[in-house]
Amino acid sequence: MNDDPTAVQEIVGVYDADGSLLGELRYVIGARLGNRHCSLCDITHGALREKAAWRASRARLPVPVRMVHRDERDDELRRATPVTPVVVARTGSGVVHLLGPADLEACRADPEALVAAVTAAVQAQGLRLAATDRPAPTAGPSAPSTATTPPG
């Protein structure tokens, strides 16, 4: 891995939902009842699956992008993201906060707006999105999200 503290190695979004079957069920029911909301979920997913517009937007970023649920965070990410939803950058010096709940809400469920906001936040933090050799997506928590069910 690159130890350059200004080079973004990965963008990570954390949903305000748990990824277990029970977590997914709680989110879907809560969203239908109007008492659960995750603006990051709205940006990346439609009613039943990941948005094609999100896949296309994500692919234009020159670094890997990974989305995880609250219960899928590693220890470093859990410490760095006490409030969700959130988007952070992993750099050579650790995790850097990029976008919080209000920033994600301001994207109004638009994947292009999220990419623009991430790019602006990276620049505002004095970081850079260096091109990397992006691995092909694979199954598992370290791969870019390709889920076909709504997050929850």
N, C-alpha and C. Protein backbone atom coordinates (compact mmCIF):
# COMPACT_ATOMS: atom_id res chain seq x y z
N MET A 1 0.81 -1.19 0.00
CA MET A 1 0.00 0.00 0.00
C MET A 1 0.85 1.25 0.00
N ASN A 2 0.31 2.29 -0.56
CA ASN A 2 1.00 3.57 -0.65
C ASN A 2 0.98 4.26 0.71
N ASP A 3 2.16 4.69 1.20
CA ASP A 3 2.24 5.36 2.49
C ASP A 3 2.10 6.87 2.38
N ASP A 4 1.89 7.40 1.17
CA ASP A 4 1.72 8.83 0.97
C ASP A 4 0.47 9.29 1.72
N PRO A 5 0.63 10.19 2.71
CA PRO A 5 -0.52 10.60 3.52
C PRO A 5 -1.56 11.40 2.74
N THR A 6 -1.22 11.89 1.55
CA THR A 6 -2.20 12.65 0.77
C THR A 6 -2.88 11.83 -0.31
N ALA A 7 -2.39 10.63 -0.55
CA ALA A 7 -2.96 9.78 -1.60
C ALA A 7 -4.13 8.97 -1.06
N VAL A 8 -5.28 9.14 -1.67
CA VAL A 8 -6.45 8.35 -1.29
C VAL A 8 -6.27 6.96 -1.88
N GLN A 9 -6.31 5.96 -1.01
CA GLN A 9 -6.17 4.57 -1.44
C GLN A 9 -7.52 3.93 -1.73
N GLU A 10 -8.53 4.42 -1.00
CA GLU A 10 -9.86 3.83 -1.11
C GLU A 10 -10.87 4.82 -0.55
N ILE A 11 -12.04 4.86 -1.16
CA ILE A 11 -13.18 5.61 -0.63
C ILE A 11 -14.11 4.57 0.00
N VAL A 12 -14.54 4.84 1.23
CA VAL A 12 -15.45 3.91 1.92
C VAL A 12 -16.69 4.67 2.37
N GLY A 13 -17.84 4.16 2.00
CA GLY A 13 -19.11 4.69 2.49
C GLY A 13 -19.68 3.73 3.51
N VAL A 14 -20.23 4.28 4.58
CA VAL A 14 -20.84 3.44 5.62
C VAL A 14 -22.33 3.77 5.67
N TYR A 15 -23.14 2.77 5.38
CA TYR A 15 -24.60 2.93 5.44
C TYR A 15 -25.06 3.06 6.89
N ASP A 16 -26.14 3.75 7.10
CA ASP A 16 -26.76 3.86 8.42
C ASP A 16 -27.74 2.70 8.58
N ALA A 17 -27.21 1.50 8.48
CA ALA A 17 -28.01 0.30 8.56
C ALA A 17 -27.07 -0.88 8.79
N ASP A 18 -27.62 -1.96 9.31
CA ASP A 18 -26.85 -3.18 9.52
C ASP A 18 -27.10 -4.13 8.34
N GLY A 19 -26.09 -4.92 8.00
CA GLY A 19 -26.16 -5.79 6.84
C GLY A 19 -26.68 -7.18 7.08
N SER A 20 -26.93 -7.54 8.34
CA SER A 20 -27.47 -8.86 8.63
C SER A 20 -28.89 -8.96 8.08
N LEU A 21 -29.41 -10.17 7.99
CA LEU A 21 -30.78 -10.36 7.53
C LEU A 21 -31.76 -9.59 8.41
N LEU A 22 -31.55 -9.66 9.73
CA LEU A 22 -32.41 -8.93 10.65
C LEU A 22 -32.24 -7.42 10.46
N GLY A 23 -31.01 -6.97 10.25
CA GLY A 23 -30.75 -5.55 10.01
C GLY A 23 -31.42 -5.06 8.74
N GLU A 24 -31.34 -5.87 7.68
CA GLU A 24 -31.99 -5.52 6.42
C GLU A 24 -33.50 -5.42 6.61
N LEU A 25 -34.05 -6.38 7.31
CA LEU A 25 -35.50 -6.40 7.56
C LEU A 25 -35.92 -5.19 8.38
N ARG A 26 -35.17 -4.87 9.43
CA ARG A 26 -35.48 -3.69 10.25
C ARG A 26 -35.46 -2.42 9.41
N TYR A 27 -34.46 -2.31 8.54
CA TYR A 27 -34.34 -1.11 7.71
C TYR A 27 -35.53 -0.99 6.75
N VAL A 28 -35.84 -2.07 6.05
CA VAL A 28 -36.94 -2.04 5.08
C VAL A 28 -38.25 -1.69 5.76
N ILE A 29 -38.54 -2.33 6.88
CA ILE A 29 -39.78 -2.03 7.60
C ILE A 29 -39.76 -0.59 8.11
N GLY A 30 -38.66 -0.18 8.71
CA GLY A 30 -38.56 1.19 9.22
C GLY A 30 -38.69 2.23 8.12
N ALA A 31 -38.10 1.96 6.97
CA ALA A 31 -38.19 2.89 5.84
C ALA A 31 -39.63 2.99 5.35
N ARG A 32 -40.31 1.86 5.28
CA ARG A 32 -41.71 1.86 4.84
C ARG A 32 -42.61 2.60 5.83
N LEU A 33 -42.27 2.49 7.11
CA LEU A 33 -43.07 3.17 8.14
C LEU A 33 -42.67 4.64 8.31
N GLY A 34 -41.57 5.02 7.66
CA GLY A 34 -41.14 6.41 7.72
C GLY A 34 -40.28 6.77 8.92
N ASN A 35 -39.79 5.78 9.68
CA ASN A 35 -38.97 6.10 10.84
C ASN A 35 -37.51 5.66 10.69
N ARG A 36 -37.12 5.22 9.48
CA ARG A 36 -35.71 4.90 9.19
C ARG A 36 -35.36 5.52 7.85
N HIS A 37 -34.18 6.12 7.80
CA HIS A 37 -33.75 6.75 6.55
C HIS A 37 -32.23 6.73 6.49
N CYS A 38 -31.70 6.41 5.34
CA CYS A 38 -30.26 6.44 5.11
C CYS A 38 -30.04 7.12 3.76
N SER A 39 -29.52 8.34 3.78
CA SER A 39 -29.33 9.08 2.53
C SER A 39 -28.31 8.40 1.63
N LEU A 40 -27.32 7.71 2.19
CA LEU A 40 -26.36 6.99 1.35
C LEU A 40 -27.04 5.82 0.66
N CYS A 41 -27.94 5.14 1.35
CA CYS A 41 -28.72 4.06 0.73
C CYS A 41 -29.51 4.61 -0.45
N ASP A 42 -30.12 5.79 -0.27
CA ASP A 42 -30.92 6.40 -1.34
C ASP A 42 -30.07 6.74 -2.56
N ILE A 43 -28.82 7.09 -2.34
CA ILE A 43 -27.92 7.44 -3.44
C ILE A 43 -27.51 6.20 -4.22
N THR A 44 -27.21 5.12 -3.54
CA THR A 44 -26.63 3.95 -4.20
C THR A 44 -27.64 2.89 -4.61
N HIS A 45 -28.83 2.89 -4.01
CA HIS A 45 -29.80 1.83 -4.27
C HIS A 45 -31.17 2.38 -4.62
N GLY A 46 -31.85 1.64 -5.49
CA GLY A 46 -33.25 1.88 -5.78
C GLY A 46 -34.08 1.01 -4.85
N ALA A 47 -35.30 0.73 -5.25
CA ALA A 47 -36.20 -0.05 -4.40
C ALA A 47 -35.71 -1.47 -4.17
N LEU A 48 -35.09 -2.08 -5.18
CA LEU A 48 -34.72 -3.48 -5.06
C LEU A 48 -33.24 -3.79 -5.27
N ARG A 49 -32.51 -2.89 -5.88
CA ARG A 49 -31.11 -3.22 -6.19
C ARG A 49 -30.27 -1.97 -6.32
N GLU A 50 -28.98 -2.20 -6.48
CA GLU A 50 -28.05 -1.10 -6.68
C GLU A 50 -28.40 -0.37 -7.99
N LYS A 51 -28.33 0.96 -7.95
CA LYS A 51 -28.65 1.77 -9.12
C LYS A 51 -27.56 1.64 -10.18
N ALA A 52 -27.97 1.50 -11.44
CA ALA A 52 -27.02 1.48 -12.55
C ALA A 52 -26.26 2.80 -12.61
N ALA A 53 -26.94 3.90 -12.30
CA ALA A 53 -26.28 5.21 -12.31
C ALA A 53 -25.18 5.26 -11.26
N TRP A 54 -25.37 4.59 -10.13
CA TRP A 54 -24.33 4.55 -9.10
C TRP A 54 -23.13 3.74 -9.60
N ARG A 55 -23.38 2.60 -10.21
CA ARG A 55 -22.27 1.79 -10.74
C ARG A 55 -21.46 2.59 -11.76
N ALA A 56 -22.13 3.31 -12.64
CA ALA A 56 -21.44 4.11 -13.65
C ALA A 56 -20.66 5.26 -13.02
N SER A 57 -21.27 5.94 -12.06
CA SER A 57 -20.60 7.06 -11.39
C SER A 57 -19.39 6.59 -10.61
N ARG A 58 -19.55 5.52 -9.86
CA ARG A 58 -18.47 4.96 -9.04
C ARG A 58 -17.29 4.56 -9.92
N ALA A 59 -17.58 4.01 -11.09
CA ALA A 59 -16.52 3.54 -11.99
C ALA A 59 -15.65 4.69 -12.50
N ARG A 60 -16.14 5.91 -12.46
CA ARG A 60 -15.36 7.05 -12.94
C ARG A 60 -14.34 7.54 -11.91
N LEU A 61 -14.45 7.10 -10.68
CA LEU A 61 -13.45 7.48 -9.67
C LEU A 61 -12.20 6.64 -9.88
N PRO A 62 -11.01 7.24 -9.77
CA PRO A 62 -9.77 6.52 -10.07
C PRO A 62 -9.26 5.63 -8.92
N VAL A 63 -10.03 5.52 -7.85
CA VAL A 63 -9.65 4.67 -6.72
C VAL A 63 -10.80 3.74 -6.40
N PRO A 64 -10.52 2.64 -5.73
CA PRO A 64 -11.61 1.72 -5.35
C PRO A 64 -12.61 2.41 -4.42
N VAL A 65 -13.87 2.05 -4.60
CA VAL A 65 -14.95 2.56 -3.77
C VAL A 65 -15.66 1.35 -3.17
N ARG A 66 -15.81 1.37 -1.86
CA ARG A 66 -16.43 0.24 -1.16
C ARG A 66 -17.51 0.77 -0.24
N MET A 67 -18.65 0.12 -0.22
CA MET A 67 -19.73 0.47 0.68
C MET A 67 -19.91 -0.66 1.68
N VAL A 68 -20.07 -0.29 2.95
CA VAL A 68 -20.27 -1.29 4.00
C VAL A 68 -21.42 -0.86 4.89
N HIS A 69 -21.99 -1.82 5.56
CA HIS A 69 -23.01 -1.53 6.58
C HIS A 69 -22.30 -1.30 7.92
N ARG A 70 -23.02 -0.71 8.87
CA ARG A 70 -22.43 -0.42 10.18
C ARG A 70 -21.77 -1.65 10.80
N ASP A 71 -22.42 -2.80 10.72
CA ASP A 71 -21.90 -4.00 11.35
C ASP A 71 -20.80 -4.69 10.55
N GLU A 72 -20.39 -4.12 9.44
CA GLU A 72 -19.34 -4.69 8.61
C GLU A 72 -18.03 -3.89 8.70
N ARG A 73 -17.99 -2.87 9.53
CA ARG A 73 -16.79 -2.02 9.65
C ARG A 73 -15.69 -2.74 10.44
N ASP A 74 -14.43 -2.52 10.01
CA ASP A 74 -13.31 -3.00 10.81
C ASP A 74 -13.11 -2.04 11.98
N ASP A 75 -12.21 -2.36 12.90
CA ASP A 75 -12.03 -1.54 14.11
C ASP A 75 -11.62 -0.11 13.78
N GLU A 76 -10.68 0.07 12.85
CA GLU A 76 -10.24 1.42 12.50
C GLU A 76 -11.39 2.24 11.94
N LEU A 77 -12.17 1.64 11.07
CA LEU A 77 -13.31 2.34 10.47
C LEU A 77 -14.40 2.61 11.51
N ARG A 78 -14.62 1.69 12.42
CA ARG A 78 -15.62 1.89 13.47
C ARG A 78 -15.25 3.09 14.36
N ARG A 79 -13.97 3.21 14.71
CA ARG A 79 -13.53 4.34 15.53
C ARG A 79 -13.66 5.66 14.77
N ALA A 80 -13.42 5.63 13.47
CA ALA A 80 -13.42 6.85 12.66
C ALA A 80 -14.83 7.28 12.22
N THR A 81 -15.81 6.40 12.39
CA THR A 81 -17.16 6.70 11.89
C THR A 81 -18.22 6.47 12.95
N PRO A 82 -18.20 7.24 14.04
CA PRO A 82 -19.21 7.04 15.08
C PRO A 82 -20.62 7.44 14.63
N VAL A 83 -20.71 8.32 13.63
CA VAL A 83 -21.99 8.76 13.09
C VAL A 83 -22.10 8.27 11.66
N THR A 84 -23.24 7.70 11.31
CA THR A 84 -23.49 7.22 9.95
C THR A 84 -24.81 7.79 9.46
N PRO A 85 -25.01 7.89 8.16
CA PRO A 85 -24.12 7.50 7.08
C PRO A 85 -22.96 8.48 6.95
N VAL A 86 -21.89 7.98 6.35
CA VAL A 86 -20.67 8.77 6.22
C VAL A 86 -19.84 8.22 5.06
N VAL A 87 -19.02 9.09 4.48
CA VAL A 87 -18.06 8.67 3.47
C VAL A 87 -16.69 9.14 3.94
N VAL A 88 -15.71 8.23 3.91
CA VAL A 88 -14.35 8.54 4.34
C VAL A 88 -13.37 8.10 3.27
N ALA A 89 -12.14 8.58 3.42
CA ALA A 89 -11.04 8.15 2.54
C ALA A 89 -10.02 7.43 3.39
N ARG A 90 -9.53 6.32 2.89
CA ARG A 90 -8.38 5.66 3.52
C ARG A 90 -7.15 6.19 2.80
N THR A 91 -6.18 6.68 3.60
CA THR A 91 -4.94 7.23 3.05
C THR A 91 -3.76 6.54 3.74
N GLY A 92 -2.57 6.91 3.35
CA GLY A 92 -1.37 6.36 3.98
C GLY A 92 -1.27 6.72 5.45
N SER A 93 -2.01 7.75 5.89
CA SER A 93 -1.96 8.15 7.29
C SER A 93 -3.21 7.75 8.07
N GLY A 94 -4.13 7.03 7.45
CA GLY A 94 -5.33 6.58 8.15
C GLY A 94 -6.61 7.02 7.46
N VAL A 95 -7.67 7.05 8.25
CA VAL A 95 -9.00 7.36 7.74
C VAL A 95 -9.26 8.86 7.87
N VAL A 96 -9.74 9.47 6.78
CA VAL A 96 -10.04 10.91 6.75
C VAL A 96 -11.52 11.09 6.42
N HIS A 97 -12.24 11.82 7.27
CA HIS A 97 -13.65 12.10 7.06
C HIS A 97 -13.84 12.98 5.84
N LEU A 98 -14.77 12.58 4.96
CA LEU A 98 -15.07 13.39 3.77
C LEU A 98 -16.48 13.97 3.82
N LEU A 99 -17.48 13.13 4.01
CA LEU A 99 -18.87 13.58 3.96
C LEU A 99 -19.68 12.98 5.11
N GLY A 100 -20.46 13.81 5.77
CA GLY A 100 -21.33 13.36 6.84
C GLY A 100 -22.78 13.28 6.39
N PRO A 101 -23.68 13.02 7.33
CA PRO A 101 -25.10 12.86 6.99
C PRO A 101 -25.71 14.04 6.23
N ALA A 102 -25.43 15.26 6.65
CA ALA A 102 -26.01 16.43 5.97
C ALA A 102 -25.47 16.56 4.54
N ASP A 103 -24.18 16.27 4.36
CA ASP A 103 -23.59 16.33 3.02
C ASP A 103 -24.23 15.30 2.10
N LEU A 104 -24.47 14.11 2.63
CA LEU A 104 -25.08 13.05 1.83
C LEU A 104 -26.54 13.37 1.53
N GLU A 105 -27.23 13.94 2.47
CA GLU A 105 -28.62 14.35 2.25
C GLU A 105 -28.68 15.40 1.14
N ALA A 106 -27.70 16.30 1.11
CA ALA A 106 -27.65 17.36 0.09
C ALA A 106 -27.47 16.80 -1.31
N CYS A 107 -27.01 15.58 -1.44
CA CYS A 107 -26.85 14.95 -2.76
C CYS A 107 -28.20 14.56 -3.36
N ARG A 108 -29.23 14.53 -2.57
CA ARG A 108 -30.61 14.26 -3.03
C ARG A 108 -30.73 12.98 -3.86
N ALA A 109 -30.12 11.91 -3.36
CA ALA A 109 -30.21 10.58 -3.97
C ALA A 109 -29.57 10.51 -5.36
N ASP A 110 -28.71 11.45 -5.70
CA ASP A 110 -28.10 11.51 -7.02
C ASP A 110 -26.65 11.01 -6.96
N PRO A 111 -26.36 9.88 -7.62
CA PRO A 111 -24.99 9.34 -7.61
C PRO A 111 -23.95 10.31 -8.16
N GLU A 112 -24.28 11.06 -9.19
CA GLU A 112 -23.32 12.03 -9.74
C GLU A 112 -23.01 13.12 -8.72
N ALA A 113 -24.02 13.54 -7.97
CA ALA A 113 -23.80 14.55 -6.93
C ALA A 113 -22.88 14.00 -5.85
N LEU A 114 -23.01 12.71 -5.53
CA LEU A 114 -22.12 12.11 -4.54
C LEU A 114 -20.67 12.11 -5.04
N VAL A 115 -20.46 11.72 -6.27
CA VAL A 115 -19.10 11.71 -6.81
C VAL A 115 -18.52 13.12 -6.82
N ALA A 116 -19.31 14.10 -7.19
CA ALA A 116 -18.85 15.49 -7.19
C ALA A 116 -18.52 15.94 -5.77
N ALA A 117 -19.36 15.58 -4.81
CA ALA A 117 -19.12 15.96 -3.41
C ALA A 117 -17.87 15.28 -2.86
N VAL A 118 -17.67 14.02 -3.19
CA VAL A 118 -16.47 13.30 -2.75
C VAL A 118 -15.23 13.96 -3.34
N THR A 119 -15.26 14.26 -4.62
CA THR A 119 -14.12 14.88 -5.29
C THR A 119 -13.79 16.24 -4.66
N ALA A 120 -14.82 17.04 -4.39
CA ALA A 120 -14.62 18.35 -3.76
C ALA A 120 -14.07 18.20 -2.35
N ALA A 121 -14.58 17.23 -1.59
CA ALA A 121 -14.13 17.01 -0.22
C ALA A 121 -12.67 16.54 -0.18
N VAL A 122 -12.31 15.68 -1.12
CA VAL A 122 -10.92 15.22 -1.22
C VAL A 122 -10.00 16.41 -1.42
N GLN A 123 -10.36 17.28 -2.34
CA GLN A 123 -9.54 18.47 -2.61
C GLN A 123 -9.51 19.40 -1.40
N ALA A 124 -10.65 19.59 -0.75
CA ALA A 124 -10.72 20.47 0.43
C ALA A 124 -9.85 19.96 1.57
N GLN A 125 -9.68 18.64 1.65
CA GLN A 125 -8.85 18.04 2.70
C GLN A 125 -7.37 18.02 2.32
N GLY A 126 -7.04 18.52 1.12
CA GLY A 126 -5.65 18.50 0.68
C GLY A 126 -5.18 17.12 0.26
N LEU A 127 -6.13 16.27 -0.12
CA LEU A 127 -5.81 14.92 -0.56
C LEU A 127 -5.87 14.86 -2.08
N ARG A 128 -5.46 13.72 -2.60
CA ARG A 128 -5.55 13.54 -4.05
C ARG A 128 -6.03 12.15 -4.38
N LEU A 129 -6.84 12.09 -5.43
CA LEU A 129 -7.34 10.82 -5.94
C LEU A 129 -6.35 10.31 -6.98
N ALA A 130 -5.35 9.61 -6.52
CA ALA A 130 -4.32 9.09 -7.43
C ALA A 130 -4.86 7.85 -8.12
N ALA A 131 -4.60 7.74 -9.39
CA ALA A 131 -5.01 6.55 -10.13
C ALA A 131 -4.30 5.34 -9.54
N THR A 132 -5.03 4.27 -9.39
CA THR A 132 -4.47 3.02 -8.87
C THR A 132 -4.81 1.90 -9.82
N ASP A 133 -4.15 0.80 -9.64
CA ASP A 133 -4.54 -0.40 -10.37
C ASP A 133 -5.71 -1.00 -9.61
N ARG A 134 -6.91 -0.71 -10.09
CA ARG A 134 -8.11 -1.18 -9.41
C ARG A 134 -8.31 -2.66 -9.68
N PRO A 135 -8.45 -3.45 -8.62
CA PRO A 135 -8.71 -4.87 -8.83
C PRO A 135 -10.11 -5.07 -9.39
N ALA A 136 -10.29 -6.15 -10.10
CA ALA A 136 -11.62 -6.48 -10.60
C ALA A 136 -12.52 -6.77 -9.40
N PRO A 137 -13.80 -6.34 -9.46
CA PRO A 137 -14.71 -6.61 -8.34
C PRO A 137 -14.81 -8.10 -8.07
N THR A 138 -14.78 -8.43 -6.80
CA THR A 138 -14.96 -9.81 -6.36
C THR A 138 -15.96 -9.81 -5.23
N ALA A 139 -16.46 -10.97 -4.90
CA ALA A 139 -17.40 -11.06 -3.79
C ALA A 139 -16.66 -10.83 -2.49
N GLY A 140 -17.36 -10.31 -1.51
CA GLY A 140 -16.76 -10.12 -0.20
C GLY A 140 -16.77 -8.67 0.23
N PRO A 141 -16.53 -8.42 1.51
CA PRO A 141 -16.65 -7.08 2.04
C PRO A 141 -15.60 -6.10 1.53
N SER A 142 -14.48 -6.56 0.94
CA SER A 142 -13.47 -5.62 0.47
C SER A 142 -13.70 -5.20 -0.97
N ALA A 143 -14.68 -5.81 -1.63
CA ALA A 143 -14.96 -5.47 -3.03
C ALA A 143 -15.95 -4.32 -3.09
N PRO A 144 -15.94 -3.57 -4.22
CA PRO A 144 -16.96 -2.53 -4.38
C PRO A 144 -18.32 -3.17 -4.31
N SER A 145 -19.28 -2.47 -3.76
CA SER A 145 -20.61 -2.99 -3.57
C SER A 145 -21.26 -3.36 -4.89
N THR A 146 -21.73 -4.59 -4.98
CA THR A 146 -22.50 -5.02 -6.14
C THR A 146 -23.78 -5.69 -5.68
N ALA A 147 -24.22 -5.36 -4.48
CA ALA A 147 -25.40 -5.98 -3.91
C ALA A 147 -26.62 -5.72 -4.77
N THR A 148 -27.52 -6.71 -4.80
CA THR A 148 -28.74 -6.55 -5.58
C THR A 148 -29.94 -6.34 -4.69
N THR A 149 -29.74 -6.29 -3.38
CA THR A 149 -30.83 -6.01 -2.46
C THR A 149 -30.56 -4.66 -1.81
N PRO A 150 -31.63 -3.98 -1.40
CA PRO A 150 -31.42 -2.68 -0.75
C PRO A 150 -30.61 -2.84 0.52
N PRO A 151 -29.75 -1.87 0.82
CA PRO A 151 -28.99 -1.96 2.07
C PRO A 151 -29.94 -1.83 3.23
N GLY A 152 -29.51 -2.34 4.36
CA GLY A 152 -30.39 -2.19 5.50
C GLY A 152 -29.85 -2.71 6.70
